[in-house]
Amino acid sequence: MASPSTKFKPGDPVEWRSPQGRTEGRIVKKVTGTAHVQGHVAHASPDEPQYEVESRKTGRHALHKPEALSRGRG
């Protein structure tokens, strides 16, 4: 998993763990405030950003802290 200082940018391929197993997708955007995605509320800040991601398989969006993400294979 990535360290909290890892920086991602929109379009970067990433992977994360979900209840269904390993999921691949891409970064949609960096979130630095309160955001609502698919019923989840993220309270991010410029010092502790989160990232909106899109699943390659389902197209669903989610919010994750950088330490929950790792670089994908593209």
PDB file of N, CA and C in Angstrom:
ATOM      1  N   MET A   1       0.833  -1.177   0.000  1.00  0.00           N
ATOM      2  CA  MET A   1       0.000   0.000   0.000  1.00  0.00           C
ATOM      3  C   MET A   1       0.883   1.248   0.000  1.00  0.00           C
ATOM      4  N   ALA A   2       0.302   2.315  -0.458  1.00  0.00           N
ATOM      5  CA  ALA A   2       1.053   3.564  -0.588  1.00  0.00           C
ATOM      6  C   ALA A   2       1.258   4.212   0.779  1.00  0.00           C
ATOM      7  N   SER A   3       2.299   5.015   0.877  1.00  0.00           N
ATOM      8  CA  SER A   3       2.504   5.779   2.101  1.00  0.00           C
ATOM      9  C   SER A   3       1.591   6.996   2.052  1.00  0.00           C
ATOM     10  N   PRO A   4       1.271   7.584   3.210  1.00  0.00           N
ATOM     11  CA  PRO A   4       0.387   8.747   3.218  1.00  0.00           C
ATOM     12  C   PRO A   4       0.901   9.914   2.380  1.00  0.00           C
ATOM     13  N   SER A   5       2.199   9.970   2.120  1.00  0.00           N
ATOM     14  CA  SER A   5       2.753  11.075   1.330  1.00  0.00           C
ATOM     15  C   SER A   5       2.692  10.816  -0.171  1.00  0.00           C
ATOM     16  N   THR A   6       2.256   9.618  -0.589  1.00  0.00           N
ATOM     17  CA  THR A   6       2.165   9.301  -2.007  1.00  0.00           C
ATOM     18  C   THR A   6       1.164  10.218  -2.679  1.00  0.00           C
ATOM     19  N   LYS A   7       1.546  10.734  -3.839  1.00  0.00           N
ATOM     20  CA  LYS A   7       0.665  11.615  -4.572  1.00  0.00           C
ATOM     21  C   LYS A   7       0.205  10.921  -5.844  1.00  0.00           C
ATOM     22  N   PHE A   8      -1.082  10.977  -6.090  1.00  0.00           N
ATOM     23  CA  PHE A   8      -1.665  10.433  -7.300  1.00  0.00           C
ATOM     24  C   PHE A   8      -2.265  11.589  -8.083  1.00  0.00           C
ATOM     25  N   LYS A   9      -2.457  11.384  -9.369  1.00  0.00           N
ATOM     26  CA  LYS A   9      -3.105  12.408 -10.187  1.00  0.00           C
ATOM     27  C   LYS A   9      -4.215  11.751 -11.006  1.00  0.00           C
ATOM     28  N   PRO A  10      -5.195  12.539 -11.455  1.00  0.00           N
ATOM     29  CA  PRO A  10      -6.285  11.956 -12.239  1.00  0.00           C
ATOM     30  C   PRO A  10      -5.764  11.125 -13.410  1.00  0.00           C
ATOM     31  N   GLY A  11      -6.377   9.967 -13.573  1.00  0.00           N
ATOM     32  CA  GLY A  11      -5.987   9.054 -14.641  1.00  0.00           C
ATOM     33  C   GLY A  11      -4.987   8.002 -14.238  1.00  0.00           C
ATOM     34  N   ASP A  12      -4.314   8.182 -13.094  1.00  0.00           N
ATOM     35  CA  ASP A  12      -3.337   7.182 -12.639  1.00  0.00           C
ATOM     36  C   ASP A  12      -4.035   5.849 -12.374  1.00  0.00           C
ATOM     37  N   PRO A  13      -3.469   4.737 -12.851  1.00  0.00           N
ATOM     38  CA  PRO A  13      -4.034   3.426 -12.523  1.00  0.00           C
ATOM     39  C   PRO A  13      -3.672   3.060 -11.080  1.00  0.00           C
ATOM     40  N   VAL A  14      -4.652   2.545 -10.349  1.00  0.00           N
ATOM     41  CA  VAL A  14      -4.438   2.170  -8.952  1.00  0.00           C
ATOM     42  C   VAL A  14      -5.150   0.858  -8.652  1.00  0.00           C
ATOM     43  N   GLU A  15      -4.797   0.273  -7.526  1.00  0.00           N
ATOM     44  CA  GLU A  15      -5.436  -0.940  -7.014  1.00  0.00           C
ATOM     45  C   GLU A  15      -5.774  -0.702  -5.556  1.00  0.00           C
ATOM     46  N   TRP A  16      -6.839  -1.386  -5.073  1.00  0.00           N
ATOM     47  CA  TRP A  16      -7.210  -1.306  -3.673  1.00  0.00           C
ATOM     48  C   TRP A  16      -7.960  -2.580  -3.301  1.00  0.00           C
ATOM     49  N   ARG A  17      -8.095  -2.798  -2.006  1.00  0.00           N
ATOM     50  CA  ARG A  17      -8.811  -3.973  -1.516  1.00  0.00           C
ATOM     51  C   ARG A  17     -10.267  -3.597  -1.290  1.00  0.00           C
ATOM     52  N   SER A  18     -11.147  -4.502  -1.678  1.00  0.00           N
ATOM     53  CA  SER A  18     -12.574  -4.325  -1.425  1.00  0.00           C
ATOM     54  C   SER A  18     -13.086  -5.629  -0.817  1.00  0.00           C
ATOM     55  N   PRO A  19     -14.310  -5.640  -0.326  1.00  0.00           N
ATOM     56  CA  PRO A  19     -14.845  -6.892   0.220  1.00  0.00           C
ATOM     57  C   PRO A  19     -14.841  -8.034  -0.803  1.00  0.00           C
ATOM     58  N   GLN A  20     -14.883  -7.695  -2.085  1.00  0.00           N
ATOM     59  CA  GLN A  20     -14.877  -8.709  -3.137  1.00  0.00           C
ATOM     60  C   GLN A  20     -13.470  -9.143  -3.535  1.00  0.00           C
ATOM     61  N   GLY A  21     -12.455  -8.515  -2.976  1.00  0.00           N
ATOM     62  CA  GLY A  21     -11.070  -8.836  -3.305  1.00  0.00           C
ATOM     63  C   GLY A  21     -10.352  -7.637  -3.889  1.00  0.00           C
ATOM     64  N   ARG A  22      -9.264  -7.889  -4.578  1.00  0.00           N
ATOM     65  CA  ARG A  22      -8.447  -6.826  -5.165  1.00  0.00           C
ATOM     66  C   ARG A  22      -9.211  -6.164  -6.308  1.00  0.00           C
ATOM     67  N   THR A  23      -9.248  -4.832  -6.328  1.00  0.00           N
ATOM     68  CA  THR A  23      -9.956  -4.083  -7.355  1.00  0.00           C
ATOM     69  C   THR A  23      -8.991  -3.161  -8.069  1.00  0.00           C
ATOM     70  N   GLU A  24      -9.125  -3.061  -9.376  1.00  0.00           N
ATOM     71  CA  GLU A  24      -8.306  -2.167 -10.183  1.00  0.00           C
ATOM     72  C   GLU A  24      -9.176  -1.044 -10.718  1.00  0.00           C
ATOM     73  N   GLY A  25      -8.562   0.101 -10.908  1.00  0.00           N
ATOM     74  CA  GLY A  25      -9.285   1.235 -11.457  1.00  0.00           C
ATOM     75  C   GLY A  25      -8.347   2.389 -11.715  1.00  0.00           C
ATOM     76  N   ARG A  26      -8.921   3.589 -11.657  1.00  0.00           N
ATOM     77  CA  ARG A  26      -8.129   4.777 -11.918  1.00  0.00           C
ATOM     78  C   ARG A  26      -8.553   5.895 -10.973  1.00  0.00           C
ATOM     79  N   ILE A  27      -7.646   6.842 -10.773  1.00  0.00           N
ATOM     80  CA  ILE A  27      -7.941   8.033  -9.985  1.00  0.00           C
ATOM     81  C   ILE A  27      -8.835   8.947 -10.810  1.00  0.00           C
ATOM     82  N   VAL A  28      -9.927   9.410 -10.212  1.00  0.00           N
ATOM     83  CA  VAL A  28     -10.812  10.376 -10.861  1.00  0.00           C
ATOM     84  C   VAL A  28     -10.395  11.780 -10.445  1.00  0.00           C
ATOM     85  N   LYS A  29     -10.241  11.985  -9.123  1.00  0.00           N
ATOM     86  CA  LYS A  29      -9.805  13.297  -8.639  1.00  0.00           C
ATOM     87  C   LYS A  29      -9.327  13.212  -7.203  1.00  0.00           C
ATOM     88  N   LYS A  30      -8.556  14.207  -6.820  1.00  0.00           N
ATOM     89  CA  LYS A  30      -8.093  14.366  -5.447  1.00  0.00           C
ATOM     90  C   LYS A  30      -9.161  15.161  -4.698  1.00  0.00           C
ATOM     91  N   VAL A  31      -9.489  14.725  -3.497  1.00  0.00           N
ATOM     92  CA  VAL A  31     -10.516  15.375  -2.688  1.00  0.00           C
ATOM     93  C   VAL A  31      -9.851  16.007  -1.474  1.00  0.00           C
ATOM     94  N   THR A  32     -10.088  17.308  -1.259  1.00  0.00           N
ATOM     95  CA  THR A  32      -9.469  18.004  -0.131  1.00  0.00           C
ATOM     96  C   THR A  32     -10.506  18.674   0.764  1.00  0.00           C
ATOM     97  N   GLY A  33     -11.743  18.262   0.662  1.00  0.00           N
ATOM     98  CA  GLY A  33     -12.819  18.797   1.490  1.00  0.00           C
ATOM     99  C   GLY A  33     -13.830  17.690   1.737  1.00  0.00           C
ATOM    100  N   THR A  34     -15.039  18.064   2.099  1.00  0.00           N
ATOM    101  CA  THR A  34     -16.096  17.084   2.293  1.00  0.00           C
ATOM    102  C   THR A  34     -16.630  16.653   0.938  1.00  0.00           C
ATOM    103  N   ALA A  35     -16.770  15.351   0.740  1.00  0.00           N
ATOM    104  CA  ALA A  35     -17.261  14.827  -0.538  1.00  0.00           C
ATOM    105  C   ALA A  35     -18.230  13.687  -0.271  1.00  0.00           C
ATOM    106  N   HIS A  36     -19.215  13.555  -1.148  1.00  0.00           N
ATOM    107  CA  HIS A  36     -20.213  12.487  -1.065  1.00  0.00           C
ATOM    108  C   HIS A  36     -20.101  11.640  -2.326  1.00  0.00           C
ATOM    109  N   VAL A  37     -19.843  10.348  -2.159  1.00  0.00           N
ATOM    110  CA  VAL A  37     -19.768   9.433  -3.298  1.00  0.00           C
ATOM    111  C   VAL A  37     -20.481   8.143  -2.930  1.00  0.00           C
ATOM    112  N   GLN A  38     -21.518   7.815  -3.686  1.00  0.00           N
ATOM    113  CA  GLN A  38     -22.256   6.563  -3.527  1.00  0.00           C
ATOM    114  C   GLN A  38     -22.641   6.289  -2.074  1.00  0.00           C
ATOM    115  N   GLY A  39     -23.156   7.302  -1.392  1.00  0.00           N
ATOM    116  CA  GLY A  39     -23.627   7.140  -0.026  1.00  0.00           C
ATOM    117  C   GLY A  39     -22.566   7.268   1.049  1.00  0.00           C
ATOM    118  N   HIS A  40     -21.321   7.440   0.666  1.00  0.00           N
ATOM    119  CA  HIS A  40     -20.234   7.586   1.630  1.00  0.00           C
ATOM    120  C   HIS A  40     -19.828   9.055   1.704  1.00  0.00           C
ATOM    121  N   VAL A  41     -19.542   9.539   2.898  1.00  0.00           N
ATOM    122  CA  VAL A  41     -19.084  10.911   3.085  1.00  0.00           C
ATOM    123  C   VAL A  41     -17.635  10.878   3.533  1.00  0.00           C
ATOM    124  N   ALA A  42     -16.788  11.610   2.820  1.00  0.00           N
ATOM    125  CA  ALA A  42     -15.376  11.711   3.194  1.00  0.00           C
ATOM    126  C   ALA A  42     -15.119  13.104   3.740  1.00  0.00           C
ATOM    127  N   HIS A  43     -14.402  13.157   4.837  1.00  0.00           N
ATOM    128  CA  HIS A  43     -14.018  14.430   5.424  1.00  0.00           C
ATOM    129  C   HIS A  43     -12.513  14.578   5.234  1.00  0.00           C
ATOM    130  N   ALA A  44     -12.134  14.974   4.047  1.00  0.00           N
ATOM    131  CA  ALA A  44     -10.719  15.136   3.705  1.00  0.00           C
ATOM    132  C   ALA A  44     -10.299  16.581   3.963  1.00  0.00           C
ATOM    133  N   SER A  45      -9.013  16.832   3.832  1.00  0.00           N
ATOM    134  CA  SER A  45      -8.473  18.182   3.972  1.00  0.00           C
ATOM    135  C   SER A  45      -7.230  18.276   3.094  1.00  0.00           C
ATOM    136  N   PRO A  46      -6.728  19.488   2.876  1.00  0.00           N
ATOM    137  CA  PRO A  46      -5.487  19.596   2.088  1.00  0.00           C
ATOM    138  C   PRO A  46      -4.320  18.827   2.717  1.00  0.00           C
ATOM    139  N   ASP A  47      -4.295  18.742   4.055  1.00  0.00           N
ATOM    140  CA  ASP A  47      -3.231  18.005   4.741  1.00  0.00           C
ATOM    141  C   ASP A  47      -3.475  16.498   4.740  1.00  0.00           C
ATOM    142  N   GLU A  48      -4.730  16.080   4.629  1.00  0.00           N
ATOM    143  CA  GLU A  48      -5.091  14.664   4.607  1.00  0.00           C
ATOM    144  C   GLU A  48      -6.095  14.414   3.477  1.00  0.00           C
ATOM    145  N   PRO A  49      -5.596  14.456   2.236  1.00  0.00           N
ATOM    146  CA  PRO A  49      -6.502  14.282   1.101  1.00  0.00           C
ATOM    147  C   PRO A  49      -6.980  12.840   0.961  1.00  0.00           C
ATOM    148  N   GLN A  50      -8.049  12.675   0.226  1.00  0.00           N
ATOM    149  CA  GLN A  50      -8.517  11.362  -0.177  1.00  0.00           C
ATOM    150  C   GLN A  50      -8.650  11.401  -1.694  1.00  0.00           C
ATOM    151  N   TYR A  51      -8.865  10.243  -2.282  1.00  0.00           N
ATOM    152  CA  TYR A  51      -8.950  10.169  -3.738  1.00  0.00           C
ATOM    153  C   TYR A  51     -10.239   9.481  -4.155  1.00  0.00           C
ATOM    154  N   GLU A  52     -10.918  10.085  -5.136  1.00  0.00           N
ATOM    155  CA  GLU A  52     -12.071   9.435  -5.744  1.00  0.00           C
ATOM    156  C   GLU A  52     -11.535   8.512  -6.819  1.00  0.00           C
ATOM    157  N   VAL A  53     -11.943   7.255  -6.773  1.00  0.00           N
ATOM    158  CA  VAL A  53     -11.485   6.257  -7.734  1.00  0.00           C
ATOM    159  C   VAL A  53     -12.681   5.666  -8.467  1.00  0.00           C
ATOM    160  N   GLU A  54     -12.405   5.145  -9.656  1.00  0.00           N
ATOM    161  CA  GLU A  54     -13.435   4.471 -10.446  1.00  0.00           C
ATOM    162  C   GLU A  54     -12.971   3.058 -10.735  1.00  0.00           C
ATOM    163  N   SER A  55     -13.819   2.086 -10.410  1.00  0.00           N
ATOM    164  CA  SER A  55     -13.504   0.686 -10.668  1.00  0.00           C
ATOM    165  C   SER A  55     -13.498   0.411 -12.162  1.00  0.00           C
ATOM    166  N   ARG A  56     -12.472  -0.271 -12.629  1.00  0.00           N
ATOM    167  CA  ARG A  56     -12.395  -0.642 -14.037  1.00  0.00           C
ATOM    168  C   ARG A  56     -13.516  -1.616 -14.404  1.00  0.00           C
ATOM    169  N   LYS A  57     -13.830  -2.536 -13.500  1.00  0.00           N
ATOM    170  CA  LYS A  57     -14.805  -3.582 -13.789  1.00  0.00           C
ATOM    171  C   LYS A  57     -16.256  -3.091 -13.737  1.00  0.00           C
ATOM    172  N   THR A  58     -16.603  -2.330 -12.687  1.00  0.00           N
ATOM    173  CA  THR A  58     -18.003  -1.945 -12.485  1.00  0.00           C
ATOM    174  C   THR A  58     -18.314  -0.500 -12.838  1.00  0.00           C
ATOM    175  N   GLY A  59     -17.296   0.353 -12.900  1.00  0.00           N
ATOM    176  CA  GLY A  59     -17.521   1.773 -13.146  1.00  0.00           C
ATOM    177  C   GLY A  59     -17.986   2.532 -11.916  1.00  0.00           C
ATOM    178  N   ARG A  60     -18.130   1.843 -10.787  1.00  0.00           N
ATOM    179  CA  ARG A  60     -18.564   2.504  -9.552  1.00  0.00           C
ATOM    180  C   ARG A  60     -17.439   3.359  -8.990  1.00  0.00           C
ATOM    181  N   HIS A  61     -17.834   4.408  -8.288  1.00  0.00           N
ATOM    182  CA  HIS A  61     -16.876   5.323  -7.690  1.00  0.00           C
ATOM    183  C   HIS A  61     -16.805   5.089  -6.191  1.00  0.00           C
ATOM    184  N   ALA A  62     -15.640   5.355  -5.611  1.00  0.00           N
ATOM    185  CA  ALA A  62     -15.423   5.221  -4.175  1.00  0.00           C
ATOM    186  C   ALA A  62     -14.401   6.262  -3.752  1.00  0.00           C
ATOM    187  N   LEU A  63     -14.299   6.486  -2.458  1.00  0.00           N
ATOM    188  CA  LEU A  63     -13.304   7.397  -1.893  1.00  0.00           C
ATOM    189  C   LEU A  63     -12.352   6.598  -1.033  1.00  0.00           C
ATOM    190  N   HIS A  64     -11.046   6.868  -1.199  1.00  0.00           N
ATOM    191  CA  HIS A  64     -10.033   6.143  -0.424  1.00  0.00           C
ATOM    192  C   HIS A  64      -8.933   7.086   0.018  1.00  0.00           C
ATOM    193  N   LYS A  65      -8.387   6.782   1.181  1.00  0.00           N
ATOM    194  CA  LYS A  65      -7.189   7.476   1.647  1.00  0.00           C
ATOM    195  C   LYS A  65      -6.009   6.955   0.840  1.00  0.00           C
ATOM    196  N   PRO A  66      -4.963   7.758   0.682  1.00  0.00           N
ATOM    197  CA  PRO A  66      -3.831   7.319  -0.148  1.00  0.00           C
ATOM    198  C   PRO A  66      -3.175   6.037   0.336  1.00  0.00           C
ATOM    199  N   GLU A  67      -3.171   5.789   1.648  1.00  0.00           N
ATOM    200  CA  GLU A  67      -2.525   4.572   2.148  1.00  0.00           C
ATOM    201  C   GLU A  67      -3.307   3.307   1.784  1.00  0.00           C
ATOM    202  N   ALA A  68      -4.556   3.443   1.339  1.00  0.00           N
ATOM    203  CA  ALA A  68      -5.351   2.288   0.922  1.00  0.00           C
ATOM    204  C   ALA A  68      -5.146   1.950  -0.554  1.00  0.00           C
ATOM    205  N   LEU A  69      -4.402   2.789  -1.263  1.00  0.00           N
ATOM    206  CA  LEU A  69      -4.199   2.621  -2.697  1.00  0.00           C
ATOM    207  C   LEU A  69      -2.767   2.228  -3.013  1.00  0.00           C
ATOM    208  N   SER A  70      -2.596   1.474  -4.084  1.00  0.00           N
ATOM    209  CA  SER A  70      -1.258   1.203  -4.590  1.00  0.00           C
ATOM    210  C   SER A  70      -1.272   1.433  -6.093  1.00  0.00           C
ATOM    211  N   ARG A  71      -0.113   1.681  -6.631  1.00  0.00           N
ATOM    212  CA  ARG A  71      -0.012   1.931  -8.080  1.00  0.00           C
ATOM    213  C   ARG A  71      -0.484   0.707  -8.845  1.00  0.00           C
ATOM    214  N   GLY A  72      -1.313   0.939  -9.848  1.00  0.00           N
ATOM    215  CA  GLY A  72      -1.799  -0.132 -10.683  1.00  0.00           C
ATOM    216  C   GLY A  72      -0.854  -0.411 -11.824  1.00  0.00           C
ATOM    217  N   ARG A  73      -1.200  -1.411 -12.601  1.00  0.00           N
ATOM    218  CA  ARG A  73      -0.339  -1.823 -13.716  1.00  0.00           C
ATOM    219  C   ARG A  73      -0.660  -1.083 -14.999  1.00  0.00           C
ATOM    220  N   GLY A  74      -1.730  -0.302 -14.983  1.00  0.00           N
ATOM    221  CA  GLY A  74      -2.053   0.476 -16.173  1.00  0.00           C
ATOM    222  C   GLY A  74      -2.940  -0.187 -17.038  1.00  0.00           C
TER     223      GLY A  74
END
